[in-house]
C-alpha atoms as a PDB file:
ATOM      1  CA  MET A   1      37.836  21.504   3.498  1.00  0.00           C
ATOM      2  CA  ARG A   2      36.117  24.170   6.065  1.00  0.00           C
ATOM      3  CA  LYS A   3      38.218  26.942   7.720  1.00  0.00           C
ATOM      4  CA  LYS A   4      39.508  26.577  11.306  1.00  0.00           C
ATOM      5  CA  ILE A   5      38.896  29.829  12.971  1.00  0.00           C
ATOM      6  CA  VAL A   6      39.859  31.202  16.260  1.00  0.00           C
ATOM      7  CA  ALA A   7      38.223  34.470  16.988  1.00  0.00           C
ATOM      8  CA  GLY A   8      38.695  36.835  19.983  1.00  0.00           C
ATOM      9  CA  ASN A   9      35.777  38.848  21.335  1.00  0.00           C
ATOM     10  CA  TRP A  10      37.244  41.645  23.450  1.00  0.00           C
ATOM     11  CA  LYS A  11      33.885  42.911  24.605  1.00  0.00           C
ATOM     12  CA  CYS A  12      33.882  46.156  26.421  1.00  0.00           C
ATOM     13  CA  ASN A  13      37.666  45.970  27.407  1.00  0.00           C
ATOM     14  CA  THR A  14      40.704  47.752  26.601  1.00  0.00           C
ATOM     15  CA  THR A  15      41.426  51.316  25.728  1.00  0.00           C
ATOM     16  CA  ILE A  16      42.681  52.180  22.151  1.00  0.00           C
ATOM     17  CA  SER A  17      46.320  52.020  23.392  1.00  0.00           C
ATOM     18  CA  GLU A  18      45.942  49.053  25.358  1.00  0.00           C
ATOM     19  CA  GLY A  19      43.889  47.412  22.365  1.00  0.00           C
ATOM     20  CA  VAL A  20      46.690  48.326  19.972  1.00  0.00           C
ATOM     21  CA  GLU A  21      49.365  46.954  22.100  1.00  0.00           C
ATOM     22  CA  LEU A  22      47.515  43.606  22.565  1.00  0.00           C
ATOM     23  CA  ALA A  23      46.957  43.361  18.838  1.00  0.00           C
ATOM     24  CA  LYS A  24      50.599  44.040  18.272  1.00  0.00           C
ATOM     25  CA  GLN A  25      51.572  41.117  20.628  1.00  0.00           C
ATOM     26  CA  VAL A  26      48.976  38.951  19.028  1.00  0.00           C
ATOM     27  CA  ASN A  27      50.162  39.758  15.538  1.00  0.00           C
ATOM     28  CA  ILE A  28      53.879  39.034  16.509  1.00  0.00           C
ATOM     29  CA  LEU A  29      53.028  35.903  18.218  1.00  0.00           C
ATOM     30  CA  VAL A  30      50.849  34.530  15.287  1.00  0.00           C
ATOM     31  CA  THR A  31      53.464  35.432  12.911  1.00  0.00           C
ATOM     32  CA  GLU A  32      56.230  33.810  14.578  1.00  0.00           C
ATOM     33  CA  ARG A  33      54.542  30.800  16.274  1.00  0.00           C
ATOM     34  CA  GLY A  34      50.876  30.744  15.190  1.00  0.00           C
ATOM     35  CA  ALA A  35      49.350  27.579  13.481  1.00  0.00           C
ATOM     36  CA  LYS A  36      49.447  28.377   9.841  1.00  0.00           C
ATOM     37  CA  ASP A  37      46.089  26.794   8.925  1.00  0.00           C
ATOM     38  CA  VAL A  38      44.016  28.759  11.502  1.00  0.00           C
ATOM     39  CA  VAL A  39      42.184  31.952  10.657  1.00  0.00           C
ATOM     40  CA  VAL A  40      42.770  34.328  13.505  1.00  0.00           C
ATOM     41  CA  VAL A  41      40.190  37.049  14.066  1.00  0.00           C
ATOM     42  CA  LEU A  42      40.270  39.844  16.597  1.00  0.00           C
ATOM     43  CA  GLY A  43      36.955  41.337  17.668  1.00  0.00           C
ATOM     44  CA  THR A  44      37.636  44.730  18.816  1.00  0.00           C
ATOM     45  CA  PRO A  45      35.506  47.625  20.140  1.00  0.00           C
ATOM     46  CA  PHE A  46      34.393  50.021  17.397  1.00  0.00           C
ATOM     47  CA  THR A  47      36.951  52.774  18.631  1.00  0.00           C
ATOM     48  CA  HIS A  48      39.779  50.389  18.053  1.00  0.00           C
ATOM     49  CA  LEU A  49      39.018  48.956  14.627  1.00  0.00           C
ATOM     50  CA  ALA A  50      40.813  51.414  12.315  1.00  0.00           C
ATOM     51  CA  SER A  51      43.995  51.383  14.721  1.00  0.00           C
ATOM     52  CA  VAL A  52      44.020  47.727  14.837  1.00  0.00           C
ATOM     53  CA  CYS A  53      43.642  47.124  11.202  1.00  0.00           C
ATOM     54  CA  ALA A  54      46.507  49.592  10.498  1.00  0.00           C
ATOM     55  CA  ILE A  55      49.074  47.385  12.572  1.00  0.00           C
ATOM     56  CA  VAL A  56      48.091  43.801  12.055  1.00  0.00           C
ATOM     57  CA  ASP A  57      49.188  41.590   9.000  1.00  0.00           C
ATOM     58  CA  PRO A  58      45.818  40.969   7.026  1.00  0.00           C
ATOM     59  CA  ASP A  59      47.430  37.561   5.910  1.00  0.00           C
ATOM     60  CA  ARG A  60      47.705  36.487   9.467  1.00  0.00           C
ATOM     61  CA  VAL A  61      45.137  38.344  11.466  1.00  0.00           C
ATOM     62  CA  CYS A  62      41.696  39.489  10.560  1.00  0.00           C
ATOM     63  CA  VAL A  63      39.854  41.885  12.510  1.00  0.00           C
ATOM     64  CA  ALA A  64      36.178  41.967  13.378  1.00  0.00           C
ATOM     65  CA  ALA A  65      33.440  44.570  14.634  1.00  0.00           C
ATOM     66  CA  GLN A  66      31.435  43.049  17.641  1.00  0.00           C
ATOM     67  CA  ASN A  67      28.175  44.312  16.393  1.00  0.00           C
ATOM     68  CA  CYS A  68      26.799  46.625  13.608  1.00  0.00           C
ATOM     69  CA  ALA A  69      23.756  48.895  12.924  1.00  0.00           C
ATOM     70  CA  ALA A  70      20.524  47.403  11.518  1.00  0.00           C
ATOM     71  CA  GLU A  71      20.157  50.388   9.065  1.00  0.00           C
ATOM     72  CA  PRO A  72      22.623  51.330   6.522  1.00  0.00           C
ATOM     73  CA  LYS A  73      22.908  54.960   7.384  1.00  0.00           C
ATOM     74  CA  GLY A  74      20.576  57.886   8.596  1.00  0.00           C
ATOM     75  CA  ALA A  75      19.641  59.489  11.852  1.00  0.00           C
ATOM     76  CA  PHE A  76      20.581  56.721  14.316  1.00  0.00           C
ATOM     77  CA  THR A  77      22.564  58.475  16.936  1.00  0.00           C
ATOM     78  CA  GLY A  78      25.291  56.442  18.332  1.00  0.00           C
ATOM     79  CA  GLU A  79      25.103  53.479  15.723  1.00  0.00           C
ATOM     80  CA  VAL A  80      28.024  52.215  13.676  1.00  0.00           C
ATOM     81  CA  SER A  81      26.908  51.048  10.174  1.00  0.00           C
ATOM     82  CA  VAL A  82      28.280  48.220   8.046  1.00  0.00           C
ATOM     83  CA  SER A  83      29.899  50.477   5.619  1.00  0.00           C
ATOM     84  CA  MET A  84      31.569  52.545   8.360  1.00  0.00           C
ATOM     85  CA  ILE A  85      32.967  49.179   9.742  1.00  0.00           C
ATOM     86  CA  GLN A  86      34.124  48.214   6.281  1.00  0.00           C
ATOM     87  CA  SER A  87      35.994  51.462   5.772  1.00  0.00           C
ATOM     88  CA  THR A  88      38.217  50.640   8.741  1.00  0.00           C
ATOM     89  CA  GLY A  89      39.640  47.531   6.949  1.00  0.00           C
ATOM     90  CA  ALA A  90      37.601  45.087   9.332  1.00  0.00           C
ATOM     91  CA  THR A  91      36.319  41.990   7.419  1.00  0.00           C
ATOM     92  CA  TYR A  92      34.073  40.314  10.018  1.00  0.00           C
ATOM     93  CA  VAL A  93      31.221  41.102  12.108  1.00  0.00           C
ATOM     94  CA  ILE A  94      29.946  39.328  15.116  1.00  0.00           C
ATOM     95  CA  ILE A  95      26.106  39.284  15.094  1.00  0.00           C
ATOM     96  CA  GLY A  96      23.416  38.026  17.458  1.00  0.00           C
ATOM     97  CA  HIS A  97      25.845  37.602  20.614  1.00  0.00           C
ATOM     98  CA  SER A  98      23.934  36.346  23.483  1.00  0.00           C
ATOM     99  CA  GLU A  99      24.689  39.694  25.367  1.00  0.00           C
ATOM    100  CA  ARG A 100      23.216  41.806  22.607  1.00  0.00           C
ATOM    101  CA  ARG A 101      20.224  39.530  22.600  1.00  0.00           C
ATOM    102  CA  GLU A 102      19.851  39.722  26.280  1.00  0.00           C
ATOM    103  CA  TYR A 103      20.962  43.224  27.365  1.00  0.00           C
ATOM    104  CA  TYR A 104      19.805  45.052  24.190  1.00  0.00           C
ATOM    105  CA  LEU A 105      16.691  43.068  23.326  1.00  0.00           C
ATOM    106  CA  GLU A 106      17.923  42.141  19.830  1.00  0.00           C
ATOM    107  CA  THR A 107      15.177  40.223  17.964  1.00  0.00           C
ATOM    108  CA  SER A 108      15.467  37.781  14.919  1.00  0.00           C
ATOM    109  CA  GLU A 109      14.045  40.690  12.763  1.00  0.00           C
ATOM    110  CA  ILE A 110      16.733  43.010  13.746  1.00  0.00           C
ATOM    111  CA  LEU A 111      19.604  40.298  13.321  1.00  0.00           C
ATOM    112  CA  ASN A 112      18.028  39.558   9.900  1.00  0.00           C
ATOM    113  CA  LYS A 113      18.747  42.981   8.916  1.00  0.00           C
ATOM    114  CA  LYS A 114      22.105  42.985  10.236  1.00  0.00           C
ATOM    115  CA  VAL A 115      22.985  39.906   8.532  1.00  0.00           C
ATOM    116  CA  ALA A 116      21.793  41.043   5.215  1.00  0.00           C
ATOM    117  CA  LEU A 117      23.946  44.465   5.498  1.00  0.00           C
ATOM    118  CA  THR A 118      26.911  42.670   6.358  1.00  0.00           C
ATOM    119  CA  LEU A 119      26.891  40.108   3.453  1.00  0.00           C
ATOM    120  CA  ALA A 120      25.780  43.038   1.017  1.00  0.00           C
ATOM    121  CA  GLN A 121      28.973  44.965   2.202  1.00  0.00           C
ATOM    122  CA  GLY A 122      31.216  41.887   1.496  1.00  0.00           C
ATOM    123  CA  LEU A 123      31.750  41.329   5.170  1.00  0.00           C
ATOM    124  CA  THR A 124      31.666  37.917   6.871  1.00  0.00           C
ATOM    125  CA  PRO A 125      29.076  37.581   9.734  1.00  0.00           C
ATOM    126  CA  ILE A 126      29.952  35.445  12.705  1.00  0.00           C
ATOM    127  CA  TYR A 127      26.483  34.475  13.515  1.00  0.00           C
ATOM    128  CA  CYS A 128      25.799  33.532  17.351  1.00  0.00           C
ATOM    129  CA  CYS A 129      23.154  31.122  18.696  1.00  0.00           C
ATOM    130  CA  GLY A 130      22.853  29.333  21.907  1.00  0.00           C
ATOM    131  CA  GLU A 131      20.657  28.600  25.034  1.00  0.00           C
ATOM    132  CA  ALA A 132      20.467  29.727  28.597  1.00  0.00           C
ATOM    133  CA  LEU A 133      20.448  27.328  31.599  1.00  0.00           C
ATOM    134  CA  ALA A 134      16.825  27.048  32.118  1.00  0.00           C
ATOM    135  CA  ILE A 135      16.385  25.850  28.531  1.00  0.00           C
ATOM    136  CA  ARG A 136      19.171  23.370  28.920  1.00  0.00           C
ATOM    137  CA  GLU A 137      17.994  22.026  32.143  1.00  0.00           C
ATOM    138  CA  ALA A 138      14.358  21.679  30.562  1.00  0.00           C
ATOM    139  CA  GLY A 139      16.149  19.549  27.762  1.00  0.00           C
ATOM    140  CA  THR A 140      14.835  21.735  25.041  1.00  0.00           C
ATOM    141  CA  GLU A 141      18.168  23.055  23.828  1.00  0.00           C
ATOM    142  CA  ASN A 142      17.801  21.672  20.469  1.00  0.00           C
ATOM    143  CA  ASN A 143      14.604  23.083  19.629  1.00  0.00           C
ATOM    144  CA  PHE A 144      15.577  26.377  20.822  1.00  0.00           C
ATOM    145  CA  VAL A 145      18.626  26.660  18.846  1.00  0.00           C
ATOM    146  CA  LYS A 146      16.805  25.279  15.847  1.00  0.00           C
ATOM    147  CA  LYS A 147      14.187  28.073  16.044  1.00  0.00           C
ATOM    148  CA  GLN A 148      17.013  30.648  16.271  1.00  0.00           C
ATOM    149  CA  LEU A 149      18.588  29.476  13.074  1.00  0.00           C
ATOM    150  CA  GLU A 150      15.090  29.004  11.335  1.00  0.00           C
ATOM    151  CA  GLU A 151      14.141  32.583  12.172  1.00  0.00           C
ATOM    152  CA  THR A 152      17.384  34.214  10.924  1.00  0.00           C
ATOM    153  CA  ILE A 153      20.018  32.720   8.837  1.00  0.00           C
ATOM    154  CA  PHE A 154      18.193  29.998   7.452  1.00  0.00           C
ATOM    155  CA  ASN A 155      16.031  32.503   5.570  1.00  0.00           C
ATOM    156  CA  LEU A 156      19.249  33.213   3.404  1.00  0.00           C
ATOM    157  CA  PRO A 157      19.548  31.657  -0.082  1.00  0.00           C
ATOM    158  CA  ALA A 158      22.414  29.063  -0.235  1.00  0.00           C
ATOM    159  CA  GLU A 159      24.913  31.287  -2.096  1.00  0.00           C
ATOM    160  CA  ASP A 160      24.682  33.697   0.921  1.00  0.00           C
ATOM    161  CA  PHE A 161      24.528  31.144   3.597  1.00  0.00           C
ATOM    162  CA  LYS A 162      27.794  29.759   2.331  1.00  0.00           C
ATOM    163  CA  LYS A 163      29.382  32.951   3.524  1.00  0.00           C
ATOM    164  CA  ILE A 164      28.241  32.571   7.068  1.00  0.00           C
ATOM    165  CA  VAL A 165      30.337  31.758  10.076  1.00  0.00           C
ATOM    166  CA  ILE A 166      28.225  30.109  12.999  1.00  0.00           C
ATOM    167  CA  ALA A 167      29.210  30.331  16.567  1.00  0.00           C
ATOM    168  CA  TYR A 168      27.377  28.120  19.192  1.00  0.00           C
ATOM    169  CA  GLU A 169      27.364  29.841  22.784  1.00  0.00           C
ATOM    170  CA  PRO A 170      26.152  27.727  25.696  1.00  0.00           C
ATOM    171  CA  ILE A 171      25.255  30.628  27.598  1.00  0.00           C
ATOM    172  CA  TRP A 172      24.835  28.518  30.672  1.00  0.00           C
ATOM    173  CA  ALA A 173      28.452  27.679  30.792  1.00  0.00           C
ATOM    174  CA  ILE A 174      29.569  31.306  30.507  1.00  0.00           C
ATOM    175  CA  GLY A 175      30.599  32.832  33.710  1.00  0.00           C
ATOM    176  CA  THR A 176      28.401  30.653  35.751  1.00  0.00           C
ATOM    177  CA  GLY A 177      30.739  28.183  37.253  1.00  0.00           C
ATOM    178  CA  ARG A 178      29.450  25.427  35.005  1.00  0.00           C
ATOM    179  CA  THR A 179      31.249  24.057  32.115  1.00  0.00           C
ATOM    180  CA  ALA A 180      29.954  22.266  28.960  1.00  0.00           C
ATOM    181  CA  SER A 181      31.914  19.291  28.241  1.00  0.00           C
ATOM    182  CA  SER A 182      33.523  18.512  24.837  1.00  0.00           C
ATOM    183  CA  GLN A 183      30.994  16.008  24.116  1.00  0.00           C
ATOM    184  CA  GLN A 184      28.025  18.441  24.991  1.00  0.00           C
ATOM    185  CA  ALA A 185      29.614  20.739  22.546  1.00  0.00           C
ATOM    186  CA  GLN A 186      30.196  18.427  19.907  1.00  0.00           C
ATOM    187  CA  ASP A 187      26.548  17.142  19.982  1.00  0.00           C
ATOM    188  CA  MET A 188      25.192  20.630  19.664  1.00  0.00           C
ATOM    189  CA  LEU A 189      27.424  21.551  16.717  1.00  0.00           C
ATOM    190  CA  ALA A 190      26.799  18.138  15.120  1.00  0.00           C
ATOM    191  CA  PHE A 191      23.107  18.937  15.346  1.00  0.00           C
ATOM    192  CA  ILE A 192      23.621  22.149  13.878  1.00  0.00           C
ATOM    193  CA  ARG A 193      25.347  20.805  10.935  1.00  0.00           C
ATOM    194  CA  GLN A 194      22.660  18.232  10.536  1.00  0.00           C
ATOM    195  CA  LEU A 195      20.079  21.165  10.453  1.00  0.00           C
ATOM    196  CA  ILE A 196      22.197  22.801   7.710  1.00  0.00           C
ATOM    197  CA  ALA A 197      22.242  19.653   5.529  1.00  0.00           C
ATOM    198  CA  LYS A 198      18.648  19.108   5.899  1.00  0.00           C
ATOM    199  CA  LYS A 199      17.873  22.958   5.126  1.00  0.00           C
ATOM    200  CA  TYR A 200      20.355  23.238   2.313  1.00  0.00           C
ATOM    201  CA  ASP A 201      22.548  20.161   1.436  1.00  0.00           C
ATOM    202  CA  GLN A 202      25.413  18.097   2.636  1.00  0.00           C
ATOM    203  CA  THR A 203      27.939  19.820   0.675  1.00  0.00           C
ATOM    204  CA  ILE A 204      26.986  23.230   2.207  1.00  0.00           C
ATOM    205  CA  ALA A 205      26.859  21.565   5.788  1.00  0.00           C
ATOM    206  CA  ALA A 206      30.319  20.042   5.405  1.00  0.00           C
ATOM    207  CA  ALA A 207      31.865  23.324   4.333  1.00  0.00           C
ATOM    208  CA  CYS A 208      30.333  25.570   6.892  1.00  0.00           C
ATOM    209  CA  SER A 209      32.620  26.625   9.771  1.00  0.00           C
ATOM    210  CA  ILE A 210      30.928  26.469  13.159  1.00  0.00           C
ATOM    211  CA  LEU A 211      32.624  27.672  16.343  1.00  0.00           C
ATOM    212  CA  TYR A 212      32.398  26.978  20.106  1.00  0.00           C
ATOM    213  CA  GLY A 213      31.904  29.969  22.228  1.00  0.00           C
ATOM    214  CA  GLY A 214      31.616  28.676  25.808  1.00  0.00           C
ATOM    215  CA  SER A 215      34.663  29.415  28.063  1.00  0.00           C
ATOM    216  CA  CYS A 216      37.194  27.978  25.714  1.00  0.00           C
ATOM    217  CA  SER A 217      40.692  28.224  27.325  1.00  0.00           C
ATOM    218  CA  PRO A 218      44.230  26.994  26.691  1.00  0.00           C
ATOM    219  CA  ALA A 219      43.356  24.152  29.215  1.00  0.00           C
ATOM    220  CA  ASN A 220      40.394  22.774  27.274  1.00  0.00           C
ATOM    221  CA  ALA A 221      40.898  24.170  23.744  1.00  0.00           C
ATOM    222  CA  LYS A 222      42.714  20.895  22.485  1.00  0.00           C
ATOM    223  CA  GLU A 223      40.002  18.546  23.646  1.00  0.00           C
ATOM    224  CA  LEU A 224      37.389  20.729  22.165  1.00  0.00           C
ATOM    225  CA  PHE A 225      39.170  21.128  18.820  1.00  0.00           C
ATOM    226  CA  SER A 226      39.532  17.546  18.614  1.00  0.00           C
ATOM    227  CA  GLN A 227      35.911  17.004  18.160  1.00  0.00           C
ATOM    228  CA  ALA A 228      34.728  16.413  14.448  1.00  0.00           C
ATOM    229  CA  ASP A 229      32.309  19.149  14.173  1.00  0.00           C
ATOM    230  CA  ILE A 230      33.940  22.027  16.123  1.00  0.00           C
ATOM    231  CA  ASP A 231      36.037  24.165  13.827  1.00  0.00           C
ATOM    232  CA  GLY A 232      37.275  26.693  16.336  1.00  0.00           C
ATOM    233  CA  GLY A 233      36.291  29.031  18.893  1.00  0.00           C
ATOM    234  CA  LEU A 234      34.804  32.414  19.886  1.00  0.00           C
ATOM    235  CA  ILE A 235      36.956  33.325  22.728  1.00  0.00           C
ATOM    236  CA  GLY A 236      36.003  35.718  25.318  1.00  0.00           C
ATOM    237  CA  GLY A 237      38.480  36.503  28.346  1.00  0.00           C
ATOM    238  CA  ALA A 238      41.246  34.282  27.167  1.00  0.00           C
ATOM    239  CA  SER A 239      41.538  36.573  24.014  1.00  0.00           C
ATOM    240  CA  LEU A 240      42.680  39.361  26.124  1.00  0.00           C
ATOM    241  CA  LYS A 241      45.995  37.791  26.938  1.00  0.00           C
ATOM    242  CA  ALA A 242      48.078  37.261  24.012  1.00  0.00           C
ATOM    243  CA  GLU A 243      49.866  34.115  25.026  1.00  0.00           C
ATOM    244  CA  ASP A 244      46.707  32.514  26.071  1.00  0.00           C
ATOM    245  CA  PHE A 245      45.154  33.391  22.786  1.00  0.00           C
ATOM    246  CA  LEU A 246      48.037  31.889  20.991  1.00  0.00           C
ATOM    247  CA  ALA A 247      47.783  28.572  23.023  1.00  0.00           C
ATOM    248  CA  ILE A 248      44.192  28.400  21.853  1.00  0.00           C
ATOM    249  CA  ILE A 249      45.134  29.030  18.371  1.00  0.00           C
ATOM    250  CA  ASN A 250      47.901  26.343  18.602  1.00  0.00           C
ATOM    251  CA  ALA A 251      45.509  23.933  20.176  1.00  0.00           C
ATOM    252  CA  TYR A 252      44.934  22.355  16.637  1.00  0.00           C
END
């Protein structure tokens, strides 16, 4: 049975003290009232990782970096390596987020390096994919997402691919005033699962956790999570409020 995962992505928000307080609140709420069968992940800024890992219960709340360097170490000023991330206690790394692709021009070549380094260090990549509005309006979203996967994680051998979590982001439904229906989300995640089955096999496809990352909130989480192929969410703004985040976790 594949894992249900609700992962918060705090992005470039909170100071260390604010982040630690938020993590404490989430940890208390999840421990006292959270769904027992849901894996909870907090994707914090790099500066917060060690502090947050130190105060959460690792059996109830996991911690993720929002990015990592594409090189293992060396003269790369400002970069944070996967081994550095692992040393904080974090166990997940978000890779290929749409904002990294758009604002920092991350290519498939770069993402392949990041995925490989993350897996080699024993951490779990949350690999993001998804299309912009123009692609959705052109009706070519399936081909676009297929290409993203074929250029990156579909290069992995089966044993490594089994360790991947996928997050689908309909970029056109994030901060645009437009929303993706639960059926649109389900259709894309089912398509991704079909691609996995074709590339690897049905068993691997059935075991792969695929998350939805498009403006998931307490209001729509239950409907989204009721869809057959949606295994949780990669949550942005709602993860910055502990009670809202808990409501999404408990939407199962």
